Amino acid sequence: MLNALEVFTTVVVGVMVGVEFCVAVFVSAILAGLPGEDGLRGRTHGARLLGAVMPFWYIGSLVLVAVWAVAGRHHDGAGLVVTAAALLILSVVMSILLLVPINNRVKTWTADSLPADWKQQTKRWDRFHYVRVAVIIAAFALLAAALA
């Protein structure tokens, strides 16, 4: 049973990392390269869609890792799992304090209601997101190492 939890948790976290990596490396660049207001529309739609889904994914991943940490506390790799949980907690805190406030503004923007500093705000979100992606990649790597 513990093995199934370990594999399932690693897959769930891994897919989340893949989605966030894709957003950081590819989607932001694609949206920035679109003409006119298309990139802005893509960002606002992405902010609404991913802003609705990702909180559940982050918290769900954290819960799965916490259950793994408790259930596997006497097994090899327990320290790696606890460290991964701490990194996921950090990613949730970063999200709440740094990324969500910007995301909540972005999802309400239209071409007619753009703030003067909208480009700076999206660049700030991107920078925070890069750091968050690095944190969750590290958590994923620790989970993969704990499986080995």
C-alpha atoms as a PDB file:
ATOM      1  CA  MET A   1       0.000   0.000   0.000  1.00  0.00           C
ATOM      2  CA  LEU A   2       2.824   2.404   0.851  1.00  0.00           C
ATOM      3  CA  ASN A   3       4.467   1.708  -2.523  1.00  0.00           C
ATOM      4  CA  ALA A   4       1.268   2.638  -4.348  1.00  0.00           C
ATOM      5  CA  LEU A   5       1.023   5.880  -2.334  1.00  0.00           C
ATOM      6  CA  GLU A   6       4.659   6.707  -3.103  1.00  0.00           C
ATOM      7  CA  VAL A   7       4.259   6.157  -6.838  1.00  0.00           C
ATOM      8  CA  PHE A   8       0.889   7.943  -7.039  1.00  0.00           C
ATOM      9  CA  THR A   9       2.221  10.925  -5.077  1.00  0.00           C
ATOM     10  CA  THR A  10       5.340  11.157  -7.228  1.00  0.00           C
ATOM     11  CA  VAL A  11       3.254  11.079 -10.399  1.00  0.00           C
ATOM     12  CA  VAL A  12       0.815  13.742  -9.135  1.00  0.00           C
ATOM     13  CA  VAL A  13       3.656  16.042  -8.060  1.00  0.00           C
ATOM     14  CA  GLY A  14       5.593  15.305 -11.251  1.00  0.00           C
ATOM     15  CA  VAL A  15       2.701  16.220 -13.507  1.00  0.00           C
ATOM     16  CA  MET A  16       2.161  19.432 -11.522  1.00  0.00           C
ATOM     17  CA  VAL A  17       5.833  20.271 -11.946  1.00  0.00           C
ATOM     18  CA  GLY A  18       5.532  19.590 -15.675  1.00  0.00           C
ATOM     19  CA  VAL A  19       2.568  21.919 -16.030  1.00  0.00           C
ATOM     20  CA  GLU A  20       4.256  24.699 -14.066  1.00  0.00           C
ATOM     21  CA  PHE A  21       7.541  24.234 -15.949  1.00  0.00           C
ATOM     22  CA  CYS A  22       5.655  24.439 -19.239  1.00  0.00           C
ATOM     23  CA  VAL A  23       3.948  27.667 -18.134  1.00  0.00           C
ATOM     24  CA  ALA A  24       7.279  29.173 -17.064  1.00  0.00           C
ATOM     25  CA  VAL A  25       9.329  28.190 -20.085  1.00  0.00           C
ATOM     26  CA  PHE A  26       6.904  27.939 -22.983  1.00  0.00           C
ATOM     27  CA  VAL A  27       3.458  29.418 -22.370  1.00  0.00           C
ATOM     28  CA  SER A  28       4.705  32.793 -21.116  1.00  0.00           C
ATOM     29  CA  ALA A  29       7.025  33.093 -24.137  1.00  0.00           C
ATOM     30  CA  ILE A  30       4.251  32.092 -26.535  1.00  0.00           C
ATOM     31  CA  LEU A  31       1.832  34.614 -25.039  1.00  0.00           C
ATOM     32  CA  ALA A  32       4.462  37.361 -25.112  1.00  0.00           C
ATOM     33  CA  GLY A  33       4.996  36.709 -28.821  1.00  0.00           C
ATOM     34  CA  LEU A  34       1.344  37.004 -29.823  1.00  0.00           C
ATOM     35  CA  PRO A  35       0.282  40.172 -31.653  1.00  0.00           C
ATOM     36  CA  GLY A  36      -1.863  42.904 -30.183  1.00  0.00           C
ATOM     37  CA  GLU A  37      -4.135  41.992 -27.309  1.00  0.00           C
ATOM     38  CA  ASP A  38      -3.983  38.237 -27.932  1.00  0.00           C
ATOM     39  CA  GLY A  39      -1.194  37.694 -25.400  1.00  0.00           C
ATOM     40  CA  LEU A  40      -3.075  39.693 -22.785  1.00  0.00           C
ATOM     41  CA  ARG A  41      -6.249  37.689 -23.425  1.00  0.00           C
ATOM     42  CA  GLY A  42      -4.270  34.487 -23.092  1.00  0.00           C
ATOM     43  CA  ARG A  43      -2.773  35.626 -19.793  1.00  0.00           C
ATOM     44  CA  THR A  44      -6.116  36.649 -18.327  1.00  0.00           C
ATOM     45  CA  HIS A  45      -7.740  33.381 -19.412  1.00  0.00           C
ATOM     46  CA  GLY A  46      -4.793  31.396 -18.057  1.00  0.00           C
ATOM     47  CA  ALA A  47      -4.965  33.313 -14.789  1.00  0.00           C
ATOM     48  CA  ARG A  48      -8.632  32.378 -14.416  1.00  0.00           C
ATOM     49  CA  LEU A  49      -8.278  28.741 -15.458  1.00  0.00           C
ATOM     50  CA  LEU A  50      -5.039  27.827 -13.706  1.00  0.00           C
ATOM     51  CA  GLY A  51      -5.902  30.094 -10.786  1.00  0.00           C
ATOM     52  CA  ALA A  52      -8.958  27.914 -10.191  1.00  0.00           C
ATOM     53  CA  VAL A  53      -7.196  24.541 -10.577  1.00  0.00           C
ATOM     54  CA  MET A  54      -3.714  24.951  -9.167  1.00  0.00           C
ATOM     55  CA  PRO A  55      -4.637  25.661  -5.517  1.00  0.00           C
ATOM     56  CA  PHE A  56      -6.264  22.222  -5.309  1.00  0.00           C
ATOM     57  CA  TRP A  57      -3.315  20.610  -7.065  1.00  0.00           C
ATOM     58  CA  TYR A  58      -0.736  22.250  -4.778  1.00  0.00           C
ATOM     59  CA  ILE A  59      -2.655  21.471  -1.592  1.00  0.00           C
ATOM     60  CA  GLY A  60      -3.518  17.971  -2.796  1.00  0.00           C
ATOM     61  CA  SER A  61       0.139  17.307  -3.588  1.00  0.00           C
ATOM     62  CA  LEU A  62       1.165  18.585  -0.186  1.00  0.00           C
ATOM     63  CA  VAL A  63      -1.415  16.374   1.539  1.00  0.00           C
ATOM     64  CA  LEU A  64      -0.230  13.318  -0.392  1.00  0.00           C
ATOM     65  CA  VAL A  65       3.406  14.022   0.519  1.00  0.00           C
ATOM     66  CA  ALA A  66       2.450  14.580   4.159  1.00  0.00           C
ATOM     67  CA  VAL A  67       0.599  11.241   4.240  1.00  0.00           C
ATOM     68  CA  TRP A  68       3.639   9.574   2.656  1.00  0.00           C
ATOM     69  CA  ALA A  69       5.920  11.214   5.234  1.00  0.00           C
ATOM     70  CA  VAL A  70       3.803   9.922   8.115  1.00  0.00           C
ATOM     71  CA  ALA A  71       3.153   6.471   6.670  1.00  0.00           C
ATOM     72  CA  GLY A  72       6.782   5.983   5.673  1.00  0.00           C
ATOM     73  CA  ARG A  73       8.443   7.606   8.638  1.00  0.00           C
ATOM     74  CA  HIS A  74      10.344   4.414   9.525  1.00  0.00           C
ATOM     75  CA  HIS A  75      11.451   3.674   5.959  1.00  0.00           C
ATOM     76  CA  ASP A  76      14.528   4.723   4.012  1.00  0.00           C
ATOM     77  CA  GLY A  77      14.141   8.105   2.393  1.00  0.00           C
ATOM     78  CA  ALA A  78      11.799   9.514   5.065  1.00  0.00           C
ATOM     79  CA  GLY A  79      13.993  12.579   5.481  1.00  0.00           C
ATOM     80  CA  LEU A  80      13.835  13.266   1.763  1.00  0.00           C
ATOM     81  CA  VAL A  81      10.040  13.088   1.845  1.00  0.00           C
ATOM     82  CA  VAL A  82       9.850  15.452   4.834  1.00  0.00           C
ATOM     83  CA  THR A  83      12.171  17.888   3.052  1.00  0.00           C
ATOM     84  CA  ALA A  84      10.010  17.650  -0.081  1.00  0.00           C
ATOM     85  CA  ALA A  85       6.958  18.435   2.068  1.00  0.00           C
ATOM     86  CA  ALA A  86       8.744  21.483   3.489  1.00  0.00           C
ATOM     87  CA  LEU A  87       9.521  22.677  -0.046  1.00  0.00           C
ATOM     88  CA  LEU A  88       5.897  22.208  -1.079  1.00  0.00           C
ATOM     89  CA  ILE A  89       4.829  24.225   1.965  1.00  0.00           C
ATOM     90  CA  LEU A  90       7.243  26.937   0.835  1.00  0.00           C
ATOM     91  CA  SER A  91       5.703  26.835  -2.660  1.00  0.00           C
ATOM     92  CA  VAL A  92       2.202  27.253  -1.220  1.00  0.00           C
ATOM     93  CA  VAL A  93       3.318  30.161   0.970  1.00  0.00           C
ATOM     94  CA  MET A  94       5.048  31.773  -2.016  1.00  0.00           C
ATOM     95  CA  SER A  95       1.893  31.318  -4.053  1.00  0.00           C
ATOM     96  CA  ILE A  96      -0.360  32.900  -1.447  1.00  0.00           C
ATOM     97  CA  LEU A  97       1.929  35.809  -0.624  1.00  0.00           C
ATOM     98  CA  LEU A  98       3.531  36.593  -3.982  1.00  0.00           C
ATOM     99  CA  LEU A  99       1.780  35.061  -6.984  1.00  0.00           C
ATOM    100  CA  VAL A 100      -1.936  34.933  -6.131  1.00  0.00           C
ATOM    101  CA  PRO A 101      -2.277  38.692  -5.511  1.00  0.00           C
ATOM    102  CA  ILE A 102      -0.838  39.431  -8.955  1.00  0.00           C
ATOM    103  CA  ASN A 103      -2.855  36.612 -10.542  1.00  0.00           C
ATOM    104  CA  ASN A 104      -6.066  37.980  -9.019  1.00  0.00           C
ATOM    105  CA  ARG A 105      -5.407  41.336 -10.661  1.00  0.00           C
ATOM    106  CA  VAL A 106      -4.398  39.843 -14.025  1.00  0.00           C
ATOM    107  CA  LYS A 107      -7.559  37.773 -14.366  1.00  0.00           C
ATOM    108  CA  THR A 108      -9.703  40.936 -14.247  1.00  0.00           C
ATOM    109  CA  TRP A 109      -7.779  42.887 -16.888  1.00  0.00           C
ATOM    110  CA  THR A 110      -9.202  43.822 -20.240  1.00  0.00           C
ATOM    111  CA  ALA A 111      -7.637  45.920 -22.973  1.00  0.00           C
ATOM    112  CA  ASP A 112      -9.665  48.867 -21.664  1.00  0.00           C
ATOM    113  CA  SER A 113      -8.783  48.394 -17.997  1.00  0.00           C
ATOM    114  CA  LEU A 114      -5.040  47.770 -18.070  1.00  0.00           C
ATOM    115  CA  PRO A 115      -3.051  49.423 -15.302  1.00  0.00           C
ATOM    116  CA  ALA A 116      -0.103  51.513 -16.424  1.00  0.00           C
ATOM    117  CA  ASP A 117       2.354  49.005 -14.914  1.00  0.00           C
ATOM    118  CA  TRP A 118       0.744  45.844 -16.289  1.00  0.00           C
ATOM    119  CA  LYS A 119       3.897  44.668 -18.044  1.00  0.00           C
ATOM    120  CA  GLN A 120       5.942  45.087 -14.867  1.00  0.00           C
ATOM    121  CA  GLN A 121       3.324  43.143 -12.914  1.00  0.00           C
ATOM    122  CA  THR A 122       3.379  40.247 -15.371  1.00  0.00           C
ATOM    123  CA  LYS A 123       7.185  40.224 -15.383  1.00  0.00           C
ATOM    124  CA  ARG A 124       7.166  40.186 -11.562  1.00  0.00           C
ATOM    125  CA  TRP A 125       4.731  37.245 -11.610  1.00  0.00           C
ATOM    126  CA  ASP A 126       6.998  35.450 -14.091  1.00  0.00           C
ATOM    127  CA  ARG A 127      10.072  35.959 -11.880  1.00  0.00           C
ATOM    128  CA  PHE A 128       8.273  34.673  -8.775  1.00  0.00           C
ATOM    129  CA  HIS A 129       6.942  31.776 -10.817  1.00  0.00           C
ATOM    130  CA  TYR A 130      10.468  30.792 -11.943  1.00  0.00           C
ATOM    131  CA  VAL A 131      11.535  30.592  -8.300  1.00  0.00           C
ATOM    132  CA  ARG A 132       8.443  28.590  -7.375  1.00  0.00           C
ATOM    133  CA  VAL A 133       9.103  26.184 -10.246  1.00  0.00           C
ATOM    134  CA  ALA A 134      12.669  25.676  -8.991  1.00  0.00           C
ATOM    135  CA  VAL A 135      11.286  24.914  -5.517  1.00  0.00           C
ATOM    136  CA  ILE A 136       8.769  22.349  -6.749  1.00  0.00           C
ATOM    137  CA  ILE A 137      11.343  20.745  -9.074  1.00  0.00           C
ATOM    138  CA  ALA A 138      13.563  20.263  -6.030  1.00  0.00           C
ATOM    139  CA  ALA A 139      10.622  18.735  -4.127  1.00  0.00           C
ATOM    140  CA  PHE A 140       9.916  16.392  -7.023  1.00  0.00           C
ATOM    141  CA  ALA A 141      13.567  15.359  -7.260  1.00  0.00           C
ATOM    142  CA  LEU A 142      13.571  14.544  -3.550  1.00  0.00           C
ATOM    143  CA  LEU A 143      10.461  12.407  -3.941  1.00  0.00           C
ATOM    144  CA  ALA A 144      12.016  10.567  -6.882  1.00  0.00           C
ATOM    145  CA  ALA A 145      15.175   9.996  -4.841  1.00  0.00           C
ATOM    146  CA  ALA A 146      13.105   8.708  -1.924  1.00  0.00           C
ATOM    147  CA  LEU A 147      11.612   6.091  -4.247  1.00  0.00           C
ATOM    148  CA  ALA A 148      15.072   4.808  -5.209  1.00  0.00           C
END
